[in-house]
PDB file of N, CA and C in Angstrom:
ATOM      1  N   MET A   1      38.195 213.150-117.365  1.00  0.00           N
ATOM      2  CA  MET A   1      36.553 213.306-117.714  1.00  0.00           C
ATOM      3  C   MET A   1      36.193 213.798-116.714  1.00  0.00           C
ATOM      4  N   GLN A   2      35.101 214.840-116.541  1.00  0.00           N
ATOM      5  CA  GLN A   2      34.232 214.787-115.709  1.00  0.00           C
ATOM      6  C   GLN A   2      32.876 214.048-115.876  1.00  0.00           C
ATOM      7  N   ALA A   3      32.447 213.734-114.582  1.00  0.00           N
ATOM      8  CA  ALA A   3      31.323 212.337-114.562  1.00  0.00           C
ATOM      9  C   ALA A   3      30.104 213.521-115.092  1.00  0.00           C
ATOM     10  N   ILE A   4      30.084 214.851-114.366  1.00  0.00           N
ATOM     11  CA  ILE A   4      28.925 215.712-114.444  1.00  0.00           C
ATOM     12  C   ILE A   4      29.199 216.925-115.507  1.00  0.00           C
ATOM     13  N   HIS A   5      28.402 216.863-116.315  1.00  0.00           N
ATOM     14  CA  HIS A   5      28.171 218.032-117.270  1.00  0.00           C
ATOM     15  C   HIS A   5      26.725 219.219-117.378  1.00  0.00           C
ATOM     16  N   TYR A   6      26.530 219.953-116.780  1.00  0.00           N
ATOM     17  CA  TYR A   6      25.435 220.737-117.248  1.00  0.00           C
ATOM     18  C   TYR A   6      25.580 221.620-118.385  1.00  0.00           C
ATOM     19  N   ARG A   7      24.304 221.892-119.373  1.00  0.00           N
ATOM     20  CA  ARG A   7      23.891 222.464-120.024  1.00  0.00           C
ATOM     21  C   ARG A   7      23.466 223.487-119.674  1.00  0.00           C
ATOM     22  N   TYR A   8      23.994 225.024-119.798  1.00  0.00           N
ATOM     23  CA  TYR A   8      22.830 226.322-119.169  1.00  0.00           C
ATOM     24  C   TYR A   8      22.505 226.945-120.202  1.00  0.00           C
ATOM     25  N   SER A   9      21.128 227.837-120.248  1.00  0.00           N
ATOM     26  CA  SER A   9      20.563 228.068-121.532  1.00  0.00           C
ATOM     27  C   SER A   9      21.784 229.704-121.276  1.00  0.00           C
ATOM     28  N   GLU A  10      21.544 230.560-122.456  1.00  0.00           N
ATOM     29  CA  GLU A  10      22.575 231.915-122.536  1.00  0.00           C
ATOM     30  C   GLU A  10      21.773 232.556-121.172  1.00  0.00           C
ATOM     31  N   SER A  11      20.784 233.036-121.048  1.00  0.00           N
ATOM     32  CA  SER A  11      20.336 234.042-119.818  1.00  0.00           C
ATOM     33  C   SER A  11      21.045 233.141-118.296  1.00  0.00           C
ATOM     34  N   GLU A  12      21.416 232.007-118.457  1.00  0.00           N
ATOM     35  CA  GLU A  12      22.023 231.606-117.115  1.00  0.00           C
ATOM     36  C   GLU A  12      22.713 231.847-116.998  1.00  0.00           C
ATOM     37  N   LEU A  13      23.716 231.435-118.226  1.00  0.00           N
ATOM     38  CA  LEU A  13      25.370 231.648-118.483  1.00  0.00           C
ATOM     39  C   LEU A  13      25.556 232.878-117.989  1.00  0.00           C
ATOM     40  N   LYS A  14      24.919 233.862-118.617  1.00  0.00           N
ATOM     41  CA  LYS A  14      25.264 235.726-117.917  1.00  0.00           C
ATOM     42  C   LYS A  14      24.995 235.924-116.875  1.00  0.00           C
ATOM     43  N   ALA A  15      23.910 235.177-116.464  1.00  0.00           N
ATOM     44  CA  ALA A  15      23.268 235.104-114.749  1.00  0.00           C
ATOM     45  C   ALA A  15      24.640 234.817-113.885  1.00  0.00           C
ATOM     46  N   ILE A  16      25.211 233.653-114.111  1.00  0.00           N
ATOM     47  CA  ILE A  16      26.232 233.176-113.573  1.00  0.00           C
ATOM     48  C   ILE A  16      27.691 233.988-113.646  1.00  0.00           C
ATOM     49  N   LEU A  17      27.934 234.290-114.963  1.00  0.00           N
ATOM     50  CA  LEU A  17      29.252 234.626-115.522  1.00  0.00           C
ATOM     51  C   LEU A  17      29.483 236.264-114.492  1.00  0.00           C
ATOM     52  N   SER A  18      27.851 236.765-114.163  1.00  0.00           N
ATOM     53  CA  SER A  18      27.932 238.012-113.542  1.00  0.00           C
ATOM     54  C   SER A  18      28.507 238.339-112.035  1.00  0.00           C
ATOM     55  N   THR A  19      28.801 236.933-111.726  1.00  0.00           N
ATOM     56  CA  THR A  19      28.880 236.722-110.383  1.00  0.00           C
ATOM     57  C   THR A  19      30.680 236.514-110.301  1.00  0.00           C
ATOM     58  N   LEU A  20      31.469 236.405-111.860  1.00  0.00           N
ATOM     59  CA  LEU A  20      32.342 235.910-111.575  1.00  0.00           C
ATOM     60  C   LEU A  20      33.456 236.855-110.557  1.00  0.00           C
ATOM     61  N   GLU A  21      34.176 235.979-109.933  1.00  0.00           N
ATOM     62  CA  GLU A  21      35.492 237.404-109.305  1.00  0.00           C
ATOM     63  C   GLU A  21      36.422 236.809-110.040  1.00  0.00           C
ATOM     64  N   ILE A  22      37.699 238.234-110.112  1.00  0.00           N
ATOM     65  CA  ILE A  22      38.758 238.146-110.507  1.00  0.00           C
ATOM     66  C   ILE A  22      39.674 237.846-109.084  1.00  0.00           C
ATOM     67  N   ILE A  23      40.422 236.913-109.097  1.00  0.00           N
ATOM     68  CA  ILE A  23      41.668 236.479-107.883  1.00  0.00           C
ATOM     69  C   ILE A  23      42.746 237.431-108.310  1.00  0.00           C
ATOM     70  N   VAL A  24      43.261 238.229-107.376  1.00  0.00           N
ATOM     71  CA  VAL A  24      44.687 238.839-107.679  1.00  0.00           C
ATOM     72  C   VAL A  24      45.606 238.218-106.570  1.00  0.00           C
ATOM     73  N   ASP A  25      46.389 237.925-106.992  1.00  0.00           N
ATOM     74  CA  ASP A  25      47.894 237.456-106.100  1.00  0.00           C
ATOM     75  C   ASP A  25      48.609 238.132-105.151  1.00  0.00           C
ATOM     76  N   THR A  26      48.638 238.024-103.671  1.00  0.00           N
ATOM     77  CA  THR A  26      49.231 239.227-103.212  1.00  0.00           C
ATOM     78  C   THR A  26      50.513 239.895-103.298  1.00  0.00           C
ATOM     79  N   ARG A  27      51.277 238.921-104.153  1.00  0.00           N
ATOM     80  CA  ARG A  27      52.852 239.218-104.539  1.00  0.00           C
ATOM     81  C   ARG A  27      52.864 240.166-105.487  1.00  0.00           C
ATOM     82  N   GLU A  28      51.546 240.156-106.275  1.00  0.00           N
ATOM     83  CA  GLU A  28      51.640 240.864-107.468  1.00  0.00           C
ATOM     84  C   GLU A  28      51.876 242.400-107.317  1.00  0.00           C
ATOM     85  N   GLN A  29      52.906 242.939-107.802  1.00  0.00           N
ATOM     86  CA  GLN A  29      53.782 244.112-107.867  1.00  0.00           C
ATOM     87  C   GLN A  29      53.026 245.197-108.705  1.00  0.00           C
ATOM     88  N   LYS A  30      53.339 246.291-108.893  1.00  0.00           N
ATOM     89  CA  LYS A  30      52.647 247.644-109.761  1.00  0.00           C
ATOM     90  C   LYS A  30      51.434 246.980-110.432  1.00  0.00           C
ATOM     91  N   ASN A  31      50.729 246.802-109.894  1.00  0.00           N
ATOM     92  CA  ASN A  31      49.436 246.526-110.781  1.00  0.00           C
ATOM     93  C   ASN A  31      48.445 247.387-110.450  1.00  0.00           C
ATOM     94  N   GLN A  32      49.103 248.781-109.929  1.00  0.00           N
ATOM     95  CA  GLN A  32      47.498 249.789-109.755  1.00  0.00           C
ATOM     96  C   GLN A  32      46.656 250.155-110.558  1.00  0.00           C
ATOM     97  N   HIS A  33      47.328 249.966-112.036  1.00  0.00           N
ATOM     98  CA  HIS A  33      46.542 250.258-112.962  1.00  0.00           C
ATOM     99  C   HIS A  33      45.777 249.373-113.582  1.00  0.00           C
ATOM    100  N   VAL A  34      45.858 248.056-113.407  1.00  0.00           N
ATOM    101  CA  VAL A  34      44.933 246.708-113.506  1.00  0.00           C
ATOM    102  C   VAL A  34      44.095 246.801-112.301  1.00  0.00           C
ATOM    103  N   LEU A  35      44.354 247.348-111.066  1.00  0.00           N
ATOM    104  CA  LEU A  35      43.369 247.334-110.100  1.00  0.00           C
ATOM    105  C   LEU A  35      42.196 248.347-110.379  1.00  0.00           C
ATOM    106  N   ASP A  36      43.085 249.581-111.088  1.00  0.00           N
ATOM    107  CA  ASP A  36      42.189 250.572-111.373  1.00  0.00           C
ATOM    108  C   ASP A  36      41.398 250.381-112.347  1.00  0.00           C
ATOM    109  N   TYR A  37      41.697 249.662-113.130  1.00  0.00           N
ATOM    110  CA  TYR A  37      40.972 249.383-114.497  1.00  0.00           C
ATOM    111  C   TYR A  37      39.525 248.440-113.948  1.00  0.00           C
ATOM    112  N   PHE A  38      39.709 247.074-113.258  1.00  0.00           N
ATOM    113  CA  PHE A  38      38.915 246.333-112.332  1.00  0.00           C
ATOM    114  C   PHE A  38      37.699 247.422-111.818  1.00  0.00           C
ATOM    115  N   HIS A  39      38.149 248.278-111.126  1.00  0.00           N
ATOM    116  CA  HIS A  39      37.315 249.342-110.431  1.00  0.00           C
ATOM    117  C   HIS A  39      36.218 249.824-111.365  1.00  0.00           C
ATOM    118  N   LYS A  40      37.132 250.210-112.476  1.00  0.00           N
ATOM    119  CA  LYS A  40      36.345 251.139-113.345  1.00  0.00           C
ATOM    120  C   LYS A  40      35.214 250.353-113.662  1.00  0.00           C
ATOM    121  N   LYS A  41      35.403 249.313-114.031  1.00  0.00           N
ATOM    122  CA  LYS A  41      34.428 248.419-114.481  1.00  0.00           C
ATOM    123  C   LYS A  41      33.611 247.814-113.924  1.00  0.00           C
ATOM    124  N   LYS A  42      34.004 247.861-112.626  1.00  0.00           N
ATOM    125  CA  LYS A  42      32.982 247.394-111.607  1.00  0.00           C
ATOM    126  C   LYS A  42      33.233 245.822-111.620  1.00  0.00           C
ATOM    127  N   VAL A  43      34.595 245.478-111.720  1.00  0.00           N
ATOM    128  CA  VAL A  43      34.553 243.694-111.759  1.00  0.00           C
ATOM    129  C   VAL A  43      34.845 243.556-110.147  1.00  0.00           C
ATOM    130  N   SER A  44      34.205 242.509-109.609  1.00  0.00           N
ATOM    131  CA  SER A  44      34.509 241.949-108.428  1.00  0.00           C
ATOM    132  C   SER A  44      35.650 241.084-108.759  1.00  0.00           C
ATOM    133  N   LEU A  45      36.760 241.510-107.238  1.00  0.00           N
ATOM    134  CA  LEU A  45      38.031 240.945-107.246  1.00  0.00           C
ATOM    135  C   LEU A  45      38.184 240.619-105.623  1.00  0.00           C
ATOM    136  N   LYS A  46      39.020 239.828-105.634  1.00  0.00           N
ATOM    137  CA  LYS A  46      39.361 239.568-104.282  1.00  0.00           C
ATOM    138  C   LYS A  46      41.364 239.210-104.153  1.00  0.00           C
ATOM    139  N   ILE A  47      41.505 239.369-103.236  1.00  0.00           N
ATOM    140  CA  ILE A  47      43.291 239.648-103.249  1.00  0.00           C
ATOM    141  C   ILE A  47      43.447 238.033-102.252  1.00  0.00           C
ATOM    142  N   ARG A  48      44.070 237.481-102.927  1.00  0.00           N
ATOM    143  CA  ARG A  48      44.740 236.334-102.112  1.00  0.00           C
ATOM    144  C   ARG A  48      46.235 235.718-102.290  1.00  0.00           C
ATOM    145  N   GLY A  49      46.675 235.238-101.951  1.00  0.00           N
ATOM    146  CA  GLY A  49      47.755 234.360-102.241  1.00  0.00           C
ATOM    147  C   GLY A  49      47.710 233.268-103.280  1.00  0.00           C
ATOM    148  N   MET A  50      48.414 233.008-104.385  1.00  0.00           N
ATOM    149  CA  MET A  50      48.378 231.935-105.319  1.00  0.00           C
ATOM    150  C   MET A  50      49.536 231.531-105.553  1.00  0.00           C
ATOM    151  N   LYS A  51      49.805 230.327-105.874  1.00  0.00           N
ATOM    152  CA  LYS A  51      50.921 229.390-105.927  1.00  0.00           C
ATOM    153  C   LYS A  51      51.498 230.072-107.336  1.00  0.00           C
ATOM    154  N   THR A  52      50.600 229.966-108.380  1.00  0.00           N
ATOM    155  CA  THR A  52      51.544 229.882-109.611  1.00  0.00           C
ATOM    156  C   THR A  52      50.697 231.109-110.483  1.00  0.00           C
ATOM    157  N   CYS A  53      50.086 231.732-110.256  1.00  0.00           N
ATOM    158  CA  CYS A  53      49.626 232.884-111.292  1.00  0.00           C
ATOM    159  C   CYS A  53      49.616 233.786-110.867  1.00  0.00           C
ATOM    160  N   ASP A  54      49.236 235.200-111.773  1.00  0.00           N
ATOM    161  CA  ASP A  54      48.981 236.457-111.175  1.00  0.00           C
ATOM    162  C   ASP A  54      47.889 236.705-110.903  1.00  0.00           C
ATOM    163  N   TYR A  55      46.962 236.186-111.946  1.00  0.00           N
ATOM    164  CA  TYR A  55      45.170 236.336-111.730  1.00  0.00           C
ATOM    165  C   TYR A  55      45.107 234.885-112.632  1.00  0.00           C
ATOM    166  N   SER A  56      43.620 235.223-111.811  1.00  0.00           N
ATOM    167  CA  SER A  56      42.743 233.932-111.941  1.00  0.00           C
ATOM    168  C   SER A  56      41.325 234.443-111.759  1.00  0.00           C
ATOM    169  N   ALA A  57      40.170 233.065-111.636  1.00  0.00           N
ATOM    170  CA  ALA A  57      38.942 233.584-111.509  1.00  0.00           C
ATOM    171  C   ALA A  57      38.286 232.724-110.754  1.00  0.00           C
ATOM    172  N   MET A  58      37.420 232.927-110.060  1.00  0.00           N
ATOM    173  CA  MET A  58      36.094 231.929-109.594  1.00  0.00           C
ATOM    174  C   MET A  58      35.082 232.407-109.639  1.00  0.00           C
ATOM    175  N   ILE A  59      33.755 231.198-109.533  1.00  0.00           N
ATOM    176  CA  ILE A  59      32.628 231.416-109.637  1.00  0.00           C
ATOM    177  C   ILE A  59      31.986 231.095-108.903  1.00  0.00           C
ATOM    178  N   PRO A  60      31.676 232.120-107.549  1.00  0.00           N
ATOM    179  CA  PRO A  60      30.935 231.632-106.263  1.00  0.00           C
ATOM    180  C   PRO A  60      29.989 230.724-105.964  1.00  0.00           C
ATOM    181  N   LYS A  61      29.734 230.242-105.663  1.00  0.00           N
ATOM    182  CA  LYS A  61      28.519 229.158-105.457  1.00  0.00           C
ATOM    183  C   LYS A  61      27.197 229.980-105.575  1.00  0.00           C
ATOM    184  N   ASN A  62      26.278 229.162-105.903  1.00  0.00           N
ATOM    185  CA  ASN A  62      24.619 229.890-106.112  1.00  0.00           C
ATOM    186  C   ASN A  62      23.668 228.561-106.423  1.00  0.00           C
ATOM    187  N   LEU A  63      23.301 228.555-105.298  1.00  0.00           N
ATOM    188  CA  LEU A  63      22.205 227.249-104.939  1.00  0.00           C
ATOM    189  C   LEU A  63      21.290 227.343-106.188  1.00  0.00           C
ATOM    190  N   GLU A  64      20.797 228.815-106.156  1.00  0.00           N
ATOM    191  CA  GLU A  64      19.442 228.844-107.669  1.00  0.00           C
ATOM    192  C   GLU A  64      20.251 228.152-108.636  1.00  0.00           C
ATOM    193  N   MET A  65      21.427 228.037-109.198  1.00  0.00           N
ATOM    194  CA  MET A  65      21.762 227.588-110.276  1.00  0.00           C
ATOM    195  C   MET A  65      22.327 226.231-110.353  1.00  0.00           C
ATOM    196  N   GLY A  66      22.150 225.861-109.113  1.00  0.00           N
ATOM    197  CA  GLY A  66      22.815 224.397-108.922  1.00  0.00           C
ATOM    198  C   GLY A  66      24.365 224.227-108.560  1.00  0.00           C
ATOM    199  N   LEU A  67      24.727 225.227-108.273  1.00  0.00           N
ATOM    200  CA  LEU A  67      26.069 225.792-107.808  1.00  0.00           C
ATOM    201  C   LEU A  67      26.414 225.461-106.204  1.00  0.00           C
ATOM    202  N   THR A  68      26.799 224.429-105.862  1.00  0.00           N
ATOM    203  CA  THR A  68      26.706 224.128-104.567  1.00  0.00           C
ATOM    204  C   THR A  68      28.082 224.262-104.008  1.00  0.00           C
ATOM    205  N   ARG A  69      29.369 224.723-104.655  1.00  0.00           N
ATOM    206  CA  ARG A  69      30.342 225.005-104.183  1.00  0.00           C
ATOM    207  C   ARG A  69      30.992 225.935-105.226  1.00  0.00           C
ATOM    208  N   ASP A  70      32.150 226.826-104.779  1.00  0.00           N
ATOM    209  CA  ASP A  70      32.689 227.860-105.570  1.00  0.00           C
ATOM    210  C   ASP A  70      33.354 227.046-106.520  1.00  0.00           C
ATOM    211  N   ILE A  71      33.787 227.430-107.902  1.00  0.00           N
ATOM    212  CA  ILE A  71      34.333 226.876-109.142  1.00  0.00           C
ATOM    213  C   ILE A  71      35.681 227.840-108.800  1.00  0.00           C
ATOM    214  N   TYR A  72      36.840 227.275-108.791  1.00  0.00           N
ATOM    215  CA  TYR A  72      38.001 227.960-109.178  1.00  0.00           C
ATOM    216  C   TYR A  72      38.218 227.445-110.689  1.00  0.00           C
ATOM    217  N   LEU A  73      38.931 228.335-111.465  1.00  0.00           N
ATOM    218  CA  LEU A  73      39.424 228.296-112.572  1.00  0.00           C
ATOM    219  C   LEU A  73      40.780 227.935-112.660  1.00  0.00           C
ATOM    220  N   THR A  74      41.061 226.751-113.325  1.00  0.00           N
ATOM    221  CA  THR A  74      42.493 226.374-113.534  1.00  0.00           C
ATOM    222  C   THR A  74      43.377 226.945-113.881  1.00  0.00           C
ATOM    223  N   ALA A  75      43.072 227.918-114.685  1.00  0.00           N
ATOM    224  CA  ALA A  75      43.432 228.655-115.907  1.00  0.00           C
ATOM    225  C   ALA A  75      44.015 230.235-115.169  1.00  0.00           C
ATOM    226  N   GLY A  76      45.125 230.378-115.344  1.00  0.00           N
ATOM    227  CA  GLY A  76      45.688 232.109-114.615  1.00  0.00           C
ATOM    228  C   GLY A  76      46.229 232.847-115.917  1.00  0.00           C
ATOM    229  N   VAL A  77      46.838 234.057-115.166  1.00  0.00           N
ATOM    230  CA  VAL A  77      47.554 234.522-116.119  1.00  0.00           C
ATOM    231  C   VAL A  77      48.978 235.349-115.169  1.00  0.00           C
ATOM    232  N   GLU A  78      49.995 235.058-116.044  1.00  0.00           N
ATOM    233  CA  GLU A  78      50.795 235.808-115.267  1.00  0.00           C
ATOM    234  C   GLU A  78      51.597 236.605-116.314  1.00  0.00           C
ATOM    235  N   ARG A  79      51.336 237.803-115.326  1.00  0.00           N
ATOM    236  CA  ARG A  79      51.562 238.828-116.119  1.00  0.00           C
ATOM    237  C   ARG A  79      53.256 239.608-116.065  1.00  0.00           C
ATOM    238  N   LYS A  80      53.835 239.975-116.859  1.00  0.00           N
ATOM    239  CA  LYS A  80      54.790 240.324-117.158  1.00  0.00           C
ATOM    240  C   LYS A  80      55.321 241.657-117.186  1.00  0.00           C
ATOM    241  N   ASN A  81      56.159 242.466-116.896  1.00  0.00           N
ATOM    242  CA  ASN A  81      56.335 243.774-117.166  1.00  0.00           C
ATOM    243  C   ASN A  81      56.797 244.246-118.342  1.00  0.00           C
ATOM    244  N   GLY A  82      57.498 243.188-119.262  1.00  0.00           N
ATOM    245  CA  GLY A  82      57.852 243.419-120.399  1.00  0.00           C
ATOM    246  C   GLY A  82      58.645 242.120-121.313  1.00  0.00           C
ATOM    247  N   VAL A  83      59.009 242.767-122.080  1.00  0.00           N
ATOM    248  CA  VAL A  83      60.169 241.450-122.823  1.00  0.00           C
ATOM    249  C   VAL A  83      61.039 241.154-122.277  1.00  0.00           C
ATOM    250  N   ASP A  84      61.771 241.883-121.407  1.00  0.00           N
ATOM    251  CA  ASP A  84      63.216 241.417-120.837  1.00  0.00           C
ATOM    252  C   ASP A  84      62.250 240.111-119.634  1.00  0.00           C
ATOM    253  N   GLU A  85      61.563 240.752-119.104  1.00  0.00           N
ATOM    254  CA  GLU A  85      60.897 239.666-117.755  1.00  0.00           C
ATOM    255  C   GLU A  85      60.453 238.489-118.707  1.00  0.00           C
ATOM    256  N   LEU A  86      60.115 238.486-119.711  1.00  0.00           N
ATOM    257  CA  LEU A  86      59.469 237.085-120.058  1.00  0.00           C
ATOM    258  C   LEU A  86      60.525 236.345-120.475  1.00  0.00           C
ATOM    259  N   VAL A  87      61.652 237.349-121.342  1.00  0.00           N
ATOM    260  CA  VAL A  87      62.518 236.092-121.802  1.00  0.00           C
ATOM    261  C   VAL A  87      63.528 235.494-120.611  1.00  0.00           C
ATOM    262  N   GLU A  88      63.673 236.318-119.581  1.00  0.00           N
ATOM    263  CA  GLU A  88      64.805 235.770-118.189  1.00  0.00           C
ATOM    264  C   GLU A  88      63.849 234.687-117.606  1.00  0.00           C
ATOM    265  N   SER A  89      62.253 235.031-117.368  1.00  0.00           N
ATOM    266  CA  SER A  89      61.328 233.688-116.934  1.00  0.00           C
ATOM    267  C   SER A  89      61.761 232.576-117.868  1.00  0.00           C
ATOM    268  N   ILE A  90      61.429 232.649-119.138  1.00  0.00           N
ATOM    269  CA  ILE A  90      61.974 231.164-119.997  1.00  0.00           C
ATOM    270  C   ILE A  90      63.187 230.865-120.072  1.00  0.00           C
ATOM    271  N   LYS A  91      64.166 231.698-119.799  1.00  0.00           N
ATOM    272  CA  LYS A  91      65.147 231.059-120.190  1.00  0.00           C
ATOM    273  C   LYS A  91      66.066 230.477-119.568  1.00  0.00           C
ATOM    274  N   ASP A  92      65.873 230.178-117.909  1.00  0.00           N
ATOM    275  CA  ASP A  92      66.236 229.555-117.037  1.00  0.00           C
ATOM    276  C   ASP A  92      65.014 228.564-116.676  1.00  0.00           C
ATOM    277  N   ARG A  93      65.082 226.941-117.107  1.00  0.00           N
ATOM    278  CA  ARG A  93      64.137 226.229-117.574  1.00  0.00           C
ATOM    279  C   ARG A  93      63.624 226.158-115.964  1.00  0.00           C
ATOM    280  N   THR A  94      64.486 226.080-114.804  1.00  0.00           N
ATOM    281  CA  THR A  94      63.598 225.568-113.550  1.00  0.00           C
ATOM    282  C   THR A  94      62.716 226.866-113.398  1.00  0.00           C
ATOM    283  N   ARG A  95      62.742 227.937-113.352  1.00  0.00           N
ATOM    284  CA  ARG A  95      62.116 229.083-112.941  1.00  0.00           C
ATOM    285  C   ARG A  95      60.834 228.907-113.886  1.00  0.00           C
ATOM    286  N   PHE A  96      61.180 228.839-115.082  1.00  0.00           N
ATOM    287  CA  PHE A  96      59.930 228.791-115.965  1.00  0.00           C
ATOM    288  C   PHE A  96      58.781 227.436-115.585  1.00  0.00           C
ATOM    289  N   GLU A  97      59.480 226.386-115.202  1.00  0.00           N
ATOM    290  CA  GLU A  97      58.701 225.283-114.767  1.00  0.00           C
ATOM    291  C   GLU A  97      58.012 225.972-113.421  1.00  0.00           C
ATOM    292  N   ASN A  98      58.491 226.560-112.610  1.00  0.00           N
ATOM    293  CA  ASN A  98      58.020 226.458-111.377  1.00  0.00           C
ATOM    294  C   ASN A  98      56.800 227.573-111.579  1.00  0.00           C
ATOM    295  N   GLU A  99      57.129 228.916-112.508  1.00  0.00           N
ATOM    296  CA  GLU A  99      56.272 229.556-112.892  1.00  0.00           C
ATOM    297  C   GLU A  99      54.671 229.055-113.434  1.00  0.00           C
ATOM    298  N   LEU A 100      55.229 227.778-114.150  1.00  0.00           N
ATOM    299  CA  LEU A 100      53.429 227.338-114.721  1.00  0.00           C
ATOM    300  C   LEU A 100      52.866 226.383-113.599  1.00  0.00           C
TER     301      LEU A 100
END
């Protein structure tokens, strides 16, 4: 449980979320169509190495809104190229747990 909880108005939430950046893992392959989509929609993104997922997000610090540090979301997306890759990754329990 977190010790601090903020409540924001709808307009404040929109302002904060408008700064959200997608993080793309440097090891992600064959994802040009995803990157093209982000660029087309003018989604801010950063390419960085990540340990456990292919995509995640962060909200940069925003002193005007009281965010004194970058906020990194703990959730991530592990993209699979198809059902075969998905089945292979969960068939081997160790590999599955490592990807989580």
